Amino acid sequence: MEFGPDGAFGVDLRKEVAAAAFLKANGLEGGKFLCCLSRLRHTPYWKVKKGTAFDEKKHARNEAMKEHDHAPLREGYYRRGARDAIESATLPGRRHADGGRPENAL
């Protein structure tokens, strides 16, 4: 596995007030936390985008590989947090259309 930067971090956009509120609400201190983004093998667009049909094949693959894919990431986050005494903020890339939390959240 290699590092691959997320395209979201290539955007020069800052919302200082909203960021400060998020940090405070989640007990985080600026510069002292690790932000973790995980993904399923296939984005479940049927949960994210209205009108998209459920895809049984993609769903089955996600379910079969979810723990396999996320366990090493989760372990790395825990070890890094313990080693450096920092908090981890695990964030989904997007919310479901119904506002629910994605199942890929670590």
N, C-alpha and C. Protein backbone atom coordinates (compact mmCIF):
# COMPACT_ATOMS: atom_id res chain seq x y z
N MET A 1 0.85 -1.16 0.00
CA MET A 1 0.00 0.00 0.00
C MET A 1 0.90 1.24 0.00
N GLU A 2 0.55 2.22 -0.78
CA GLU A 2 1.32 3.46 -0.85
C GLU A 2 0.41 4.65 -0.57
N PHE A 3 1.04 5.74 -0.18
CA PHE A 3 0.29 6.97 0.06
C PHE A 3 -0.24 7.50 -1.25
N GLY A 4 -1.47 7.91 -1.24
CA GLY A 4 -2.09 8.55 -2.41
C GLY A 4 -2.93 9.71 -1.92
N PRO A 5 -2.53 10.94 -2.19
CA PRO A 5 -3.28 12.09 -1.67
C PRO A 5 -4.68 12.16 -2.25
N ASP A 6 -5.61 12.53 -1.43
CA ASP A 6 -7.00 12.70 -1.84
C ASP A 6 -7.11 14.03 -2.58
N GLY A 7 -7.87 14.05 -3.65
CA GLY A 7 -8.03 15.27 -4.44
C GLY A 7 -8.63 16.42 -3.65
N ALA A 8 -9.37 16.11 -2.59
CA ALA A 8 -9.99 17.16 -1.77
C ALA A 8 -8.94 18.07 -1.14
N PHE A 9 -7.74 17.52 -0.92
CA PHE A 9 -6.72 18.32 -0.25
C PHE A 9 -5.93 19.20 -1.21
N GLY A 10 -6.23 19.09 -2.50
CA GLY A 10 -5.58 19.95 -3.48
C GLY A 10 -6.34 21.25 -3.69
N VAL A 11 -7.40 21.45 -2.95
CA VAL A 11 -8.22 22.66 -3.07
C VAL A 11 -7.81 23.67 -2.01
N ASP A 12 -7.61 24.88 -2.43
CA ASP A 12 -7.23 25.94 -1.49
C ASP A 12 -8.50 26.61 -0.97
N LEU A 13 -9.11 26.00 -0.01
CA LEU A 13 -10.36 26.49 0.55
C LEU A 13 -10.28 26.39 2.06
N ARG A 14 -10.54 27.48 2.73
CA ARG A 14 -10.47 27.48 4.19
C ARG A 14 -11.75 28.10 4.75
N LYS A 15 -12.28 27.46 5.76
CA LYS A 15 -13.45 27.96 6.48
C LYS A 15 -13.06 27.94 7.95
N GLU A 16 -12.34 28.96 8.36
CA GLU A 16 -11.76 29.01 9.70
C GLU A 16 -12.79 28.86 10.81
N VAL A 17 -13.91 29.56 10.69
CA VAL A 17 -14.92 29.52 11.76
C VAL A 17 -15.54 28.13 11.85
N ALA A 18 -15.90 27.56 10.71
CA ALA A 18 -16.49 26.22 10.69
C ALA A 18 -15.47 25.18 11.18
N ALA A 19 -14.21 25.34 10.79
CA ALA A 19 -13.17 24.40 11.22
C ALA A 19 -12.97 24.46 12.73
N ALA A 20 -12.93 25.65 13.27
CA ALA A 20 -12.76 25.81 14.73
C ALA A 20 -13.93 25.19 15.48
N ALA A 21 -15.14 25.37 14.95
CA ALA A 21 -16.33 24.79 15.58
C ALA A 21 -16.28 23.26 15.53
N PHE A 22 -15.84 22.71 14.40
CA PHE A 22 -15.72 21.26 14.26
C PHE A 22 -14.71 20.70 15.25
N LEU A 23 -13.55 21.33 15.34
CA LEU A 23 -12.51 20.87 16.27
C LEU A 23 -13.03 20.88 17.70
N LYS A 24 -13.65 21.98 18.08
CA LYS A 24 -14.16 22.09 19.44
C LYS A 24 -15.23 21.05 19.73
N ALA A 25 -16.15 20.88 18.79
CA ALA A 25 -17.25 19.93 18.98
C ALA A 25 -16.76 18.48 19.09
N ASN A 26 -15.60 18.21 18.51
CA ASN A 26 -15.07 16.85 18.52
C ASN A 26 -13.86 16.67 19.43
N GLY A 27 -13.59 17.67 20.26
CA GLY A 27 -12.51 17.57 21.23
C GLY A 27 -11.13 17.46 20.60
N LEU A 28 -10.93 18.12 19.48
CA LEU A 28 -9.66 18.07 18.77
C LEU A 28 -8.91 19.39 18.89
N GLU A 29 -7.60 19.31 18.86
CA GLU A 29 -6.75 20.50 18.93
C GLU A 29 -6.02 20.63 17.60
N GLY A 30 -6.04 21.83 17.03
CA GLY A 30 -5.40 22.07 15.74
C GLY A 30 -3.98 21.54 15.68
N GLY A 31 -3.66 20.78 14.63
CA GLY A 31 -2.33 20.25 14.43
C GLY A 31 -1.99 19.03 15.27
N LYS A 32 -2.95 18.56 16.08
CA LYS A 32 -2.68 17.42 16.96
C LYS A 32 -3.70 16.30 16.77
N PHE A 33 -4.03 16.05 15.51
CA PHE A 33 -4.93 14.95 15.21
C PHE A 33 -4.63 14.43 13.81
N LEU A 34 -5.04 13.22 13.58
CA LEU A 34 -4.86 12.56 12.29
C LEU A 34 -6.22 12.40 11.65
N CYS A 35 -6.38 12.91 10.45
CA CYS A 35 -7.64 12.80 9.72
C CYS A 35 -7.56 11.59 8.81
N CYS A 36 -8.49 10.66 8.97
CA CYS A 36 -8.46 9.39 8.24
C CYS A 36 -9.68 9.26 7.34
N LEU A 37 -9.45 9.01 6.08
CA LEU A 37 -10.53 8.81 5.12
C LEU A 37 -10.42 7.39 4.58
N SER A 38 -11.47 6.62 4.72
CA SER A 38 -11.46 5.26 4.19
C SER A 38 -12.48 5.15 3.06
N ARG A 39 -12.36 4.09 2.30
CA ARG A 39 -13.28 3.87 1.19
C ARG A 39 -13.63 2.40 1.07
N LEU A 40 -14.81 2.17 0.55
CA LEU A 40 -15.18 0.83 0.13
C LEU A 40 -14.63 0.61 -1.28
N ARG A 41 -14.62 -0.61 -1.73
CA ARG A 41 -14.13 -0.88 -3.09
C ARG A 41 -15.01 -0.21 -4.13
N HIS A 42 -16.31 -0.19 -3.88
CA HIS A 42 -17.26 0.45 -4.80
C HIS A 42 -18.14 1.39 -3.98
N THR A 43 -18.20 2.64 -4.37
CA THR A 43 -19.07 3.60 -3.68
C THR A 43 -20.52 3.14 -3.85
N PRO A 44 -21.26 3.01 -2.75
CA PRO A 44 -22.66 2.57 -2.86
C PRO A 44 -23.56 3.73 -3.30
N TYR A 45 -23.48 4.05 -4.59
CA TYR A 45 -24.24 5.19 -5.11
C TYR A 45 -25.74 5.03 -4.87
N TRP A 46 -26.22 3.81 -4.73
CA TRP A 46 -27.64 3.60 -4.44
C TRP A 46 -28.03 4.18 -3.10
N LYS A 47 -27.04 4.43 -2.21
CA LYS A 47 -27.31 5.08 -0.92
C LYS A 47 -27.03 6.57 -0.98
N VAL A 48 -26.20 6.98 -1.91
CA VAL A 48 -25.74 8.37 -1.97
C VAL A 48 -26.57 9.20 -2.94
N LYS A 49 -26.91 8.61 -4.05
CA LYS A 49 -27.58 9.35 -5.13
C LYS A 49 -28.97 8.78 -5.40
N LYS A 50 -29.97 9.59 -5.20
CA LYS A 50 -31.35 9.15 -5.44
C LYS A 50 -31.52 8.71 -6.89
N GLY A 51 -32.29 7.64 -7.06
CA GLY A 51 -32.57 7.15 -8.40
C GLY A 51 -31.55 6.13 -8.90
N THR A 52 -30.52 5.84 -8.11
CA THR A 52 -29.52 4.85 -8.52
C THR A 52 -29.94 3.48 -7.98
N ALA A 53 -29.97 2.51 -8.87
CA ALA A 53 -30.41 1.16 -8.50
C ALA A 53 -29.36 0.45 -7.64
N PHE A 54 -29.83 -0.37 -6.71
CA PHE A 54 -28.97 -1.19 -5.88
C PHE A 54 -28.19 -2.14 -6.77
N ASP A 55 -26.89 -2.28 -6.52
CA ASP A 55 -26.04 -3.18 -7.29
C ASP A 55 -25.58 -4.31 -6.38
N GLU A 56 -26.22 -5.45 -6.50
CA GLU A 56 -25.94 -6.60 -5.63
C GLU A 56 -24.50 -7.07 -5.74
N LYS A 57 -23.95 -7.10 -6.95
CA LYS A 57 -22.59 -7.57 -7.17
C LYS A 57 -21.57 -6.66 -6.46
N LYS A 58 -21.73 -5.36 -6.62
CA LYS A 58 -20.81 -4.42 -5.97
C LYS A 58 -20.99 -4.44 -4.46
N HIS A 59 -22.23 -4.53 -4.02
CA HIS A 59 -22.49 -4.59 -2.58
C HIS A 59 -21.84 -5.83 -1.97
N ALA A 60 -21.97 -6.97 -2.64
CA ALA A 60 -21.39 -8.21 -2.14
C ALA A 60 -19.88 -8.11 -2.06
N ARG A 61 -19.26 -7.49 -3.06
CA ARG A 61 -17.80 -7.33 -3.03
C ARG A 61 -17.38 -6.41 -1.90
N ASN A 62 -18.10 -5.32 -1.70
CA ASN A 62 -17.81 -4.42 -0.58
C ASN A 62 -17.88 -5.16 0.74
N GLU A 63 -18.94 -5.93 0.92
CA GLU A 63 -19.12 -6.67 2.18
C GLU A 63 -18.02 -7.71 2.38
N ALA A 64 -17.66 -8.39 1.31
CA ALA A 64 -16.64 -9.43 1.40
C ALA A 64 -15.27 -8.85 1.74
N MET A 65 -14.98 -7.65 1.29
CA MET A 65 -13.64 -7.09 1.43
C MET A 65 -13.52 -5.99 2.49
N LYS A 66 -14.64 -5.59 3.06
CA LYS A 66 -14.65 -4.45 3.98
C LYS A 66 -13.66 -4.63 5.14
N GLU A 67 -13.75 -5.71 5.86
CA GLU A 67 -12.85 -5.91 7.00
C GLU A 67 -11.41 -6.11 6.54
N HIS A 68 -11.22 -6.87 5.47
CA HIS A 68 -9.88 -7.09 4.91
C HIS A 68 -9.21 -5.77 4.55
N ASP A 69 -9.95 -4.88 3.91
CA ASP A 69 -9.39 -3.59 3.47
C ASP A 69 -9.18 -2.62 4.62
N HIS A 70 -10.10 -2.59 5.57
CA HIS A 70 -10.05 -1.56 6.60
C HIS A 70 -9.27 -1.94 7.85
N ALA A 71 -9.11 -3.23 8.12
CA ALA A 71 -8.39 -3.64 9.34
C ALA A 71 -6.97 -3.09 9.40
N PRO A 72 -6.16 -3.17 8.33
CA PRO A 72 -4.80 -2.63 8.41
C PRO A 72 -4.80 -1.11 8.59
N LEU A 73 -5.74 -0.44 7.94
CA LEU A 73 -5.83 1.02 8.09
C LEU A 73 -6.18 1.38 9.53
N ARG A 74 -7.18 0.70 10.05
CA ARG A 74 -7.62 0.96 11.42
C ARG A 74 -6.47 0.73 12.41
N GLU A 75 -5.75 -0.36 12.24
CA GLU A 75 -4.62 -0.67 13.11
C GLU A 75 -3.55 0.41 13.02
N GLY A 76 -3.28 0.88 11.81
CA GLY A 76 -2.30 1.95 11.62
C GLY A 76 -2.71 3.24 12.32
N TYR A 77 -3.99 3.56 12.23
CA TYR A 77 -4.48 4.78 12.89
C TYR A 77 -4.30 4.67 14.40
N TYR A 78 -4.66 3.50 14.95
CA TYR A 78 -4.54 3.31 16.40
C TYR A 78 -3.08 3.39 16.84
N ARG A 79 -2.20 2.72 16.10
CA ARG A 79 -0.78 2.74 16.47
C ARG A 79 -0.19 4.14 16.38
N ARG A 80 -0.54 4.84 15.32
CA ARG A 80 -0.02 6.20 15.17
C ARG A 80 -0.53 7.10 16.28
N GLY A 81 -1.80 6.98 16.59
CA GLY A 81 -2.37 7.78 17.67
C GLY A 81 -1.72 7.49 19.00
N ALA A 82 -1.49 6.22 19.29
CA ALA A 82 -0.86 5.85 20.55
C ALA A 82 0.60 6.30 20.60
N ARG A 83 1.30 6.13 19.48
CA ARG A 83 2.72 6.50 19.43
C ARG A 83 2.92 8.00 19.62
N ASP A 84 2.11 8.78 18.95
CA ASP A 84 2.29 10.23 18.97
C ASP A 84 1.34 10.96 19.91
N ALA A 85 0.56 10.20 20.65
CA ALA A 85 -0.43 10.78 21.58
C ALA A 85 -1.29 11.82 20.88
N ILE A 86 -1.82 11.43 19.72
CA ILE A 86 -2.72 12.31 18.98
C ILE A 86 -4.07 11.65 18.82
N GLU A 87 -5.06 12.44 18.59
CA GLU A 87 -6.40 11.94 18.35
C GLU A 87 -6.55 11.57 16.88
N SER A 88 -7.49 10.71 16.58
CA SER A 88 -7.80 10.36 15.20
C SER A 88 -9.22 10.80 14.90
N ALA A 89 -9.41 11.41 13.75
CA ALA A 89 -10.74 11.79 13.30
C ALA A 89 -11.00 11.00 12.03
N THR A 90 -11.84 9.99 12.10
CA THR A 90 -12.18 9.19 10.94
C THR A 90 -13.42 9.77 10.29
N LEU A 91 -13.28 10.17 9.05
CA LEU A 91 -14.36 10.88 8.39
C LEU A 91 -14.77 10.17 7.11
N PRO A 92 -16.06 10.04 6.86
CA PRO A 92 -16.49 9.47 5.60
C PRO A 92 -16.30 10.49 4.49
N GLY A 93 -16.11 10.01 3.28
CA GLY A 93 -15.96 10.92 2.15
C GLY A 93 -17.25 11.65 1.81
N ARG A 94 -18.37 11.03 2.10
CA ARG A 94 -19.67 11.64 1.82
C ARG A 94 -20.73 10.99 2.70
N ARG A 95 -21.86 11.64 2.82
CA ARG A 95 -22.98 11.08 3.59
C ARG A 95 -23.98 10.46 2.63
N HIS A 96 -24.75 9.52 3.16
CA HIS A 96 -25.80 8.91 2.35
C HIS A 96 -26.92 9.91 2.12
N ALA A 97 -27.71 9.64 1.09
CA ALA A 97 -28.84 10.51 0.77
C ALA A 97 -29.79 10.66 1.94
N ASP A 98 -29.89 9.60 2.77
CA ASP A 98 -30.78 9.66 3.93
C ASP A 98 -30.10 10.30 5.14
N GLY A 99 -28.86 10.80 4.95
CA GLY A 99 -28.14 11.45 6.05
C GLY A 99 -27.37 10.49 6.93
N GLY A 100 -27.48 9.19 6.64
CA GLY A 100 -26.82 8.18 7.46
C GLY A 100 -25.32 8.14 7.28
N ARG A 101 -24.67 7.47 8.21
CA ARG A 101 -23.22 7.32 8.21
C ARG A 101 -22.83 6.14 7.30
N PRO A 102 -21.86 6.34 6.42
CA PRO A 102 -21.44 5.24 5.55
C PRO A 102 -20.87 4.08 6.34
N GLU A 103 -21.05 2.86 5.82
CA GLU A 103 -20.55 1.69 6.52
C GLU A 103 -19.05 1.55 6.42
N ASN A 104 -18.38 2.36 5.60
CA ASN A 104 -16.94 2.29 5.51
C ASN A 104 -16.23 3.13 6.57
N ALA A 105 -17.00 3.84 7.38
CA ALA A 105 -16.37 4.63 8.44
C ALA A 105 -15.70 3.67 9.40
N LEU A 106 -14.44 3.89 9.65
CA LEU A 106 -13.67 2.99 10.48
C LEU A 106 -14.12 3.06 11.91
